[in-house]
């Protein structure tokens, strides 16, 4: 599991780590204390992924098509 702060992770990295957390929790091979830590990390990762998805959905929703079928209202993606 990464020690990188969740807020600094890309969606893909956070999702991969969330999958690892879920696998470890499902395996029942971790102590109760470790399970709690994993659950907390997983909750943080889930929230981060949901926020990233919401932001992406909002950007997509702003894109409309002109009468000739070309995208309009495009804005540069901010880091």
PDB file of N, CA and C in Angstrom:
ATOM      1  N   UNK A   1       0.843  -1.176   0.000  1.00  0.00           N
ATOM      2  CA  UNK A   1       0.000   0.000   0.000  1.00  0.00           C
ATOM      3  C   UNK A   1       0.890   1.242   0.000  1.00  0.00           C
ATOM      4  N   UNK A   2       0.491   2.219  -0.763  1.00  0.00           N
ATOM      5  CA  UNK A   2       1.266   3.439  -0.932  1.00  0.00           C
ATOM      6  C   UNK A   2       1.152   4.347   0.290  1.00  0.00           C
ATOM      7  N   UNK A   3       2.205   5.070   0.552  1.00  0.00           N
ATOM      8  CA  UNK A   3       2.182   6.064   1.627  1.00  0.00           C
ATOM      9  C   UNK A   3       1.897   7.451   1.051  1.00  0.00           C
ATOM     10  N   UNK A   4       1.739   7.518  -0.272  1.00  0.00           N
ATOM     11  CA  UNK A   4       1.475   8.782  -0.945  1.00  0.00           C
ATOM     12  C   UNK A   4       0.123   9.335  -0.481  1.00  0.00           C
ATOM     13  N   UNK A   5       0.058  10.631  -0.193  1.00  0.00           N
ATOM     14  CA  UNK A   5      -1.227  11.213   0.208  1.00  0.00           C
ATOM     15  C   UNK A   5      -2.280  11.010  -0.889  1.00  0.00           C
ATOM     16  N   UNK A   6      -3.464  10.636  -0.490  1.00  0.00           N
ATOM     17  CA  UNK A   6      -4.531  10.341  -1.442  1.00  0.00           C
ATOM     18  C   UNK A   6      -4.826  11.549  -2.329  1.00  0.00           C
ATOM     19  N   UNK A   7      -4.808  12.735  -1.767  1.00  0.00           N
ATOM     20  CA  UNK A   7      -5.123  13.944  -2.532  1.00  0.00           C
ATOM     21  C   UNK A   7      -4.176  14.169  -3.703  1.00  0.00           C
ATOM     22  N   UNK A   8      -2.988  13.587  -3.653  1.00  0.00           N
ATOM     23  CA  UNK A   8      -2.003  13.754  -4.729  1.00  0.00           C
ATOM     24  C   UNK A   8      -2.111  12.671  -5.801  1.00  0.00           C
ATOM     25  N   UNK A   9      -2.994  11.698  -5.608  1.00  0.00           N
ATOM     26  CA  UNK A   9      -3.096  10.568  -6.528  1.00  0.00           C
ATOM     27  C   UNK A   9      -3.999  10.880  -7.715  1.00  0.00           C
ATOM     28  N   UNK A  10      -3.634  10.303  -8.852  1.00  0.00           N
ATOM     29  CA  UNK A  10      -4.536  10.351  -9.996  1.00  0.00           C
ATOM     30  C   UNK A  10      -5.680   9.387  -9.729  1.00  0.00           C
ATOM     31  N   UNK A  11      -6.726   9.488 -10.513  1.00  0.00           N
ATOM     32  CA  UNK A  11      -7.860   8.580 -10.361  1.00  0.00           C
ATOM     33  C   UNK A  11      -7.408   7.131 -10.510  1.00  0.00           C
ATOM     34  N   UNK A  12      -6.593   6.868 -11.519  1.00  0.00           N
ATOM     35  CA  UNK A  12      -6.165   5.504 -11.810  1.00  0.00           C
ATOM     36  C   UNK A  12      -5.339   4.905 -10.679  1.00  0.00           C
ATOM     37  N   UNK A  13      -4.436   5.677 -10.118  1.00  0.00           N
ATOM     38  CA  UNK A  13      -3.597   5.197  -9.015  1.00  0.00           C
ATOM     39  C   UNK A  13      -4.449   4.941  -7.778  1.00  0.00           C
ATOM     40  N   UNK A  14      -5.352   5.871  -7.479  1.00  0.00           N
ATOM     41  CA  UNK A  14      -6.224   5.713  -6.312  1.00  0.00           C
ATOM     42  C   UNK A  14      -7.132   4.499  -6.474  1.00  0.00           C
ATOM     43  N   UNK A  15      -7.643   4.290  -7.673  1.00  0.00           N
ATOM     44  CA  UNK A  15      -8.525   3.147  -7.916  1.00  0.00           C
ATOM     45  C   UNK A  15      -7.762   1.833  -7.759  1.00  0.00           C
ATOM     46  N   UNK A  16      -6.535   1.785  -8.258  1.00  0.00           N
ATOM     47  CA  UNK A  16      -5.720   0.575  -8.135  1.00  0.00           C
ATOM     48  C   UNK A  16      -5.437   0.271  -6.659  1.00  0.00           C
ATOM     49  N   UNK A  17      -5.119   1.298  -5.896  1.00  0.00           N
ATOM     50  CA  UNK A  17      -4.859   1.075  -4.477  1.00  0.00           C
ATOM     51  C   UNK A  17      -6.134   0.662  -3.753  1.00  0.00           C
ATOM     52  N   UNK A  18      -7.271   1.239  -4.130  1.00  0.00           N
ATOM     53  CA  UNK A  18      -8.544   0.855  -3.527  1.00  0.00           C
ATOM     54  C   UNK A  18      -8.831  -0.623  -3.792  1.00  0.00           C
ATOM     55  N   UNK A  19      -8.548  -1.088  -4.986  1.00  0.00           N
ATOM     56  CA  UNK A  19      -8.731  -2.508  -5.305  1.00  0.00           C
ATOM     57  C   UNK A  19      -7.832  -3.390  -4.429  1.00  0.00           C
ATOM     58  N   UNK A  20      -6.614  -2.940  -4.188  1.00  0.00           N
ATOM     59  CA  UNK A  20      -5.698  -3.678  -3.319  1.00  0.00           C
ATOM     60  C   UNK A  20      -6.230  -3.728  -1.891  1.00  0.00           C
ATOM     61  N   UNK A  21      -6.730  -2.612  -1.408  1.00  0.00           N
ATOM     62  CA  UNK A  21      -7.296  -2.539  -0.059  1.00  0.00           C
ATOM     63  C   UNK A  21      -8.464  -3.514   0.072  1.00  0.00           C
ATOM     64  N   UNK A  22      -9.353  -3.499  -0.904  1.00  0.00           N
ATOM     65  CA  UNK A  22     -10.522  -4.389  -0.863  1.00  0.00           C
ATOM     66  C   UNK A  22     -10.080  -5.849  -0.861  1.00  0.00           C
ATOM     67  N   UNK A  23      -9.108  -6.183  -1.684  1.00  0.00           N
ATOM     68  CA  UNK A  23      -8.614  -7.563  -1.728  1.00  0.00           C
ATOM     69  C   UNK A  23      -8.044  -8.003  -0.380  1.00  0.00           C
ATOM     70  N   UNK A  24      -7.280  -7.123   0.242  1.00  0.00           N
ATOM     71  CA  UNK A  24      -6.706  -7.452   1.547  1.00  0.00           C
ATOM     72  C   UNK A  24      -7.789  -7.637   2.603  1.00  0.00           C
ATOM     73  N   UNK A  25      -8.798  -6.773   2.575  1.00  0.00           N
ATOM     74  CA  UNK A  25      -9.887  -6.891   3.542  1.00  0.00           C
ATOM     75  C   UNK A  25     -10.689  -8.172   3.322  1.00  0.00           C
ATOM     76  N   UNK A  26     -10.893  -8.529   2.073  1.00  0.00           N
ATOM     77  CA  UNK A  26     -11.656  -9.739   1.760  1.00  0.00           C
ATOM     78  C   UNK A  26     -10.897 -11.018   2.109  1.00  0.00           C
ATOM     79  N   UNK A  27      -9.574 -10.926   2.135  1.00  0.00           N
ATOM     80  CA  UNK A  27      -8.771 -12.124   2.383  1.00  0.00           C
ATOM     81  C   UNK A  27      -8.832 -12.591   3.836  1.00  0.00           C
ATOM     82  N   UNK A  28      -9.234 -11.715   4.727  1.00  0.00           N
ATOM     83  CA  UNK A  28      -9.306 -12.029   6.158  1.00  0.00           C
ATOM     84  C   UNK A  28      -7.954 -12.455   6.718  1.00  0.00           C
ATOM     85  N   UNK A  29      -6.884 -12.043   6.094  1.00  0.00           N
ATOM     86  CA  UNK A  29      -5.544 -12.408   6.544  1.00  0.00           C
ATOM     87  C   UNK A  29      -4.854 -11.265   7.282  1.00  0.00           C
ATOM     88  N   UNK A  30      -5.625 -10.249   7.676  1.00  0.00           N
ATOM     89  CA  UNK A  30      -5.040  -9.108   8.384  1.00  0.00           C
ATOM     90  C   UNK A  30      -5.642  -9.014   9.779  1.00  0.00           C
ATOM     91  N   UNK A  31      -4.893  -8.430  10.667  1.00  0.00           N
ATOM     92  CA  UNK A  31      -5.370  -8.260  12.045  1.00  0.00           C
ATOM     93  C   UNK A  31      -6.508  -7.246  12.085  1.00  0.00           C
ATOM     94  N   UNK A  32      -7.207  -7.216  13.194  1.00  0.00           N
ATOM     95  CA  UNK A  32      -8.310  -6.275  13.352  1.00  0.00           C
ATOM     96  C   UNK A  32      -7.820  -4.836  13.227  1.00  0.00           C
ATOM     97  N   UNK A  33      -6.700  -4.525  13.887  1.00  0.00           N
ATOM     98  CA  UNK A  33      -6.160  -3.163  13.810  1.00  0.00           C
ATOM     99  C   UNK A  33      -5.804  -2.795  12.374  1.00  0.00           C
ATOM    100  N   UNK A  34      -5.175  -3.722  11.657  1.00  0.00           N
ATOM    101  CA  UNK A  34      -4.827  -3.463  10.258  1.00  0.00           C
ATOM    102  C   UNK A  34      -6.074  -3.344   9.393  1.00  0.00           C
ATOM    103  N   UNK A  35      -7.094  -4.126   9.710  1.00  0.00           N
ATOM    104  CA  UNK A  35      -8.356  -4.045   8.969  1.00  0.00           C
ATOM    105  C   UNK A  35      -8.977  -2.664   9.117  1.00  0.00           C
ATOM    106  N   UNK A  36      -8.918  -2.126  10.324  1.00  0.00           N
ATOM    107  CA  UNK A  36      -9.471  -0.789  10.563  1.00  0.00           C
ATOM    108  C   UNK A  36      -8.697   0.255   9.768  1.00  0.00           C
ATOM    109  N   UNK A  37      -7.371   0.160   9.790  1.00  0.00           N
ATOM    110  CA  UNK A  37      -6.540   1.096   9.022  1.00  0.00           C
ATOM    111  C   UNK A  37      -6.821   0.983   7.530  1.00  0.00           C
ATOM    112  N   UNK A  38      -6.944  -0.259   7.050  1.00  0.00           N
ATOM    113  CA  UNK A  38      -7.245  -0.480   5.635  1.00  0.00           C
ATOM    114  C   UNK A  38      -8.606   0.101   5.274  1.00  0.00           C
ATOM    115  N   UNK A  39      -9.596  -0.115   6.145  1.00  0.00           N
ATOM    116  CA  UNK A  39     -10.926   0.404   5.891  1.00  0.00           C
ATOM    117  C   UNK A  39     -10.906   1.938   5.810  1.00  0.00           C
ATOM    118  N   UNK A  40     -10.196   2.571   6.733  1.00  0.00           N
ATOM    119  CA  UNK A  40     -10.100   4.035   6.725  1.00  0.00           C
ATOM    120  C   UNK A  40      -9.426   4.534   5.454  1.00  0.00           C
ATOM    121  N   UNK A  41      -8.341   3.852   5.054  1.00  0.00           N
ATOM    122  CA  UNK A  41      -7.645   4.230   3.822  1.00  0.00           C
ATOM    123  C   UNK A  41      -8.567   4.020   2.620  1.00  0.00           C
ATOM    124  N   UNK A  42      -9.289   2.920   2.621  1.00  0.00           N
ATOM    125  CA  UNK A  42     -10.214   2.631   1.540  1.00  0.00           C
ATOM    126  C   UNK A  42     -11.311   3.669   1.428  1.00  0.00           C
ATOM    127  N   UNK A  43     -11.837   4.110   2.562  1.00  0.00           N
ATOM    128  CA  UNK A  43     -12.878   5.137   2.557  1.00  0.00           C
ATOM    129  C   UNK A  43     -12.346   6.441   1.979  1.00  0.00           C
ATOM    130  N   UNK A  44     -11.112   6.773   2.340  1.00  0.00           N
ATOM    131  CA  UNK A  44     -10.481   7.990   1.815  1.00  0.00           C
ATOM    132  C   UNK A  44     -10.258   7.867   0.305  1.00  0.00           C
ATOM    133  N   UNK A  45      -9.794   6.714  -0.138  1.00  0.00           N
ATOM    134  CA  UNK A  45      -9.574   6.478  -1.572  1.00  0.00           C
ATOM    135  C   UNK A  45     -10.890   6.525  -2.342  1.00  0.00           C
ATOM    136  N   UNK A  46     -11.930   5.928  -1.792  1.00  0.00           N
ATOM    137  CA  UNK A  46     -13.250   5.924  -2.444  1.00  0.00           C
ATOM    138  C   UNK A  46     -13.761   7.351  -2.620  1.00  0.00           C
ATOM    139  N   UNK A  47     -13.651   8.151  -1.571  1.00  0.00           N
ATOM    140  CA  UNK A  47     -14.106   9.546  -1.638  1.00  0.00           C
ATOM    141  C   UNK A  47     -13.328  10.314  -2.708  1.00  0.00           C
ATOM    142  N   UNK A  48     -12.022  10.101  -2.751  1.00  0.00           N
ATOM    143  CA  UNK A  48     -11.173  10.777  -3.731  1.00  0.00           C
ATOM    144  C   UNK A  48     -11.587  10.390  -5.158  1.00  0.00           C
ATOM    145  N   UNK A  49     -11.815   9.100  -5.380  1.00  0.00           N
ATOM    146  CA  UNK A  49     -12.221   8.627  -6.710  1.00  0.00           C
ATOM    147  C   UNK A  49     -13.577   9.214  -7.099  1.00  0.00           C
ATOM    148  N   UNK A  50     -14.510   9.254  -6.163  1.00  0.00           N
ATOM    149  CA  UNK A  50     -15.828   9.824  -6.441  1.00  0.00           C
ATOM    150  C   UNK A  50     -15.723  11.304  -6.815  1.00  0.00           C
ATOM    151  N   UNK A  51     -14.859  12.040  -6.124  1.00  0.00           N
ATOM    152  CA  UNK A  51     -14.678  13.462  -6.431  1.00  0.00           C
ATOM    153  C   UNK A  51     -14.066  13.651  -7.812  1.00  0.00           C
ATOM    154  N   UNK A  52     -13.073  12.807  -8.139  1.00  0.00           N
ATOM    155  CA  UNK A  52     -12.449  12.889  -9.468  1.00  0.00           C
ATOM    156  C   UNK A  52     -13.478  12.589 -10.561  1.00  0.00           C
ATOM    157  N   UNK A  53     -14.312  11.577 -10.352  1.00  0.00           N
ATOM    158  CA  UNK A  53     -15.344  11.232 -11.332  1.00  0.00           C
ATOM    159  C   UNK A  53     -16.367  12.354 -11.480  1.00  0.00           C
ATOM    160  N   UNK A  54     -16.762  12.956 -10.365  1.00  0.00           N
ATOM    161  CA  UNK A  54     -17.731  14.047 -10.412  1.00  0.00           C
ATOM    162  C   UNK A  54     -17.177  15.222 -11.212  1.00  0.00           C
ATOM    163  N   UNK A  55     -15.920  15.546 -10.984  1.00  0.00           N
ATOM    164  CA  UNK A  55     -15.281  16.633 -11.726  1.00  0.00           C
ATOM    165  C   UNK A  55     -15.259  16.328 -13.216  1.00  0.00           C
ATOM    166  N   UNK A  56     -14.906  15.098 -13.567  1.00  0.00           N
ATOM    167  CA  UNK A  56     -14.863  14.700 -14.977  1.00  0.00           C
ATOM    168  C   UNK A  56     -16.260  14.763 -15.593  1.00  0.00           C
ATOM    169  N   UNK A  57     -17.266  14.300 -14.870  1.00  0.00           N
ATOM    170  CA  UNK A  57     -18.641  14.337 -15.375  1.00  0.00           C
ATOM    171  C   UNK A  57     -19.105  15.770 -15.607  1.00  0.00           C
ATOM    172  N   UNK A  58     -18.732  16.664 -14.712  1.00  0.00           N
ATOM    173  CA  UNK A  58     -19.110  18.072 -14.869  1.00  0.00           C
ATOM    174  C   UNK A  58     -18.456  18.681 -16.102  1.00  0.00           C
ATOM    175  N   UNK A  59     -17.201  18.322 -16.365  1.00  0.00           N
ATOM    176  CA  UNK A  59     -16.515  18.823 -17.554  1.00  0.00           C
ATOM    177  C   UNK A  59     -17.178  18.301 -18.820  1.00  0.00           C
ATOM    178  N   UNK A  60     -17.543  17.023 -18.818  1.00  0.00           N
ATOM    179  CA  UNK A  60     -18.197  16.433 -19.985  1.00  0.00           C
ATOM    180  C   UNK A  60     -19.568  17.075 -20.202  1.00  0.00           C
ATOM    181  N   UNK A  61     -20.281  17.323 -19.131  1.00  0.00           N
ATOM    182  CA  UNK A  61     -21.615  17.918 -19.227  1.00  0.00           C
ATOM    183  C   UNK A  61     -21.572  19.324 -19.826  1.00  0.00           C
ATOM    184  N   UNK A  62     -20.456  20.009 -19.676  1.00  0.00           N
ATOM    185  CA  UNK A  62     -20.331  21.364 -20.215  1.00  0.00           C
ATOM    186  C   UNK A  62     -20.110  21.364 -21.721  1.00  0.00           C
ATOM    187  N   UNK A  63     -19.716  20.243 -22.267  1.00  0.00           N
ATOM    188  CA  UNK A  63     -19.461  20.153 -23.699  1.00  0.00           C
ATOM    189  C   UNK A  63     -20.794  19.970 -24.419  1.00  0.00           C
ATOM    190  N   UNK A  64     -21.047  20.833 -25.357  1.00  0.00           N
ATOM    191  CA  UNK A  64     -22.243  20.697 -26.182  1.00  0.00           C
ATOM    192  C   UNK A  64     -21.806  20.623 -27.635  1.00  0.00           C
ATOM    193  N   UNK A  65     -22.709  20.192 -28.483  1.00  0.00           N
ATOM    194  CA  UNK A  65     -22.393  20.102 -29.900  1.00  0.00           C
ATOM    195  C   UNK A  65     -23.071  21.248 -30.644  1.00  0.00           C
ATOM    196  N   UNK A  66     -22.337  21.797 -31.595  1.00  0.00           N
ATOM    197  CA  UNK A  66     -22.893  22.837 -32.451  1.00  0.00           C
ATOM    198  C   UNK A  66     -23.819  22.172 -33.472  1.00  0.00           C
ATOM    199  N   UNK A  67     -24.591  22.949 -34.200  1.00  0.00           N
ATOM    200  CA  UNK A  67     -25.484  22.357 -35.200  1.00  0.00           C
ATOM    201  C   UNK A  67     -24.773  21.472 -36.228  1.00  0.00           C
ATOM    202  N   UNK A  68     -23.485  21.738 -36.463  1.00  0.00           N
ATOM    203  CA  UNK A  68     -22.751  20.895 -37.422  1.00  0.00           C
ATOM    204  C   UNK A  68     -22.093  19.690 -36.756  1.00  0.00           C
ATOM    205  N   UNK A  69     -22.391  19.466 -35.461  1.00  0.00           N
ATOM    206  CA  UNK A  69     -21.908  18.273 -34.770  1.00  0.00           C
ATOM    207  C   UNK A  69     -20.533  18.395 -34.149  1.00  0.00           C
ATOM    208  N   UNK A  70     -19.962  19.588 -34.157  1.00  0.00           N
ATOM    209  CA  UNK A  70     -18.635  19.782 -33.564  1.00  0.00           C
ATOM    210  C   UNK A  70     -18.782  20.238 -32.115  1.00  0.00           C
ATOM    211  N   UNK A  71     -17.855  19.794 -31.260  1.00  0.00           N
ATOM    212  CA  UNK A  71     -17.921  20.214 -29.852  1.00  0.00           C
ATOM    213  C   UNK A  71     -17.720  21.713 -29.704  1.00  0.00           C
ATOM    214  N   UNK A  72     -18.461  22.302 -28.800  1.00  0.00           N
ATOM    215  CA  UNK A  72     -18.282  23.723 -28.474  1.00  0.00           C
ATOM    216  C   UNK A  72     -18.313  23.887 -26.966  1.00  0.00           C
ATOM    217  N   UNK A  73     -17.979  25.056 -26.501  1.00  0.00           N
ATOM    218  CA  UNK A  73     -17.897  25.351 -25.062  1.00  0.00           C
ATOM    219  C   UNK A  73     -16.760  24.570 -24.402  1.00  0.00           C
ATOM    220  N   UNK A  74     -15.730  24.247 -25.153  1.00  0.00           N
ATOM    221  CA  UNK A  74     -14.589  23.544 -24.588  1.00  0.00           C
ATOM    222  C   UNK A  74     -13.728  24.503 -23.789  1.00  0.00           C
ATOM    223  N   UNK A  75     -13.261  24.046 -22.658  1.00  0.00           N
ATOM    224  CA  UNK A  75     -12.366  24.838 -21.817  1.00  0.00           C
ATOM    225  C   UNK A  75     -11.110  24.021 -21.584  1.00  0.00           C
ATOM    226  N   UNK A  76      -9.966  24.673 -21.445  1.00  0.00           N
ATOM    227  CA  UNK A  76      -8.751  23.928 -21.161  1.00  0.00           C
ATOM    228  C   UNK A  76      -8.865  23.153 -19.846  1.00  0.00           C
ATOM    229  N   UNK A  77      -8.303  21.973 -19.822  1.00  0.00           N
ATOM    230  CA  UNK A  77      -8.310  21.160 -18.609  1.00  0.00           C
ATOM    231  C   UNK A  77      -7.297  21.733 -17.636  1.00  0.00           C
ATOM    232  N   UNK A  78      -7.769  21.951 -16.413  1.00  0.00           N
ATOM    233  CA  UNK A  78      -6.866  22.468 -15.374  1.00  0.00           C
ATOM    234  C   UNK A  78      -6.362  21.321 -14.545  1.00  0.00           C
ATOM    235  N   UNK A  79      -5.063  21.352 -14.227  1.00  0.00           N
ATOM    236  CA  UNK A  79      -4.391  20.297 -13.486  1.00  0.00           C
ATOM    237  C   UNK A  79      -5.031  19.986 -12.221  1.00  0.00           C
TER     238      UNK A  79
END
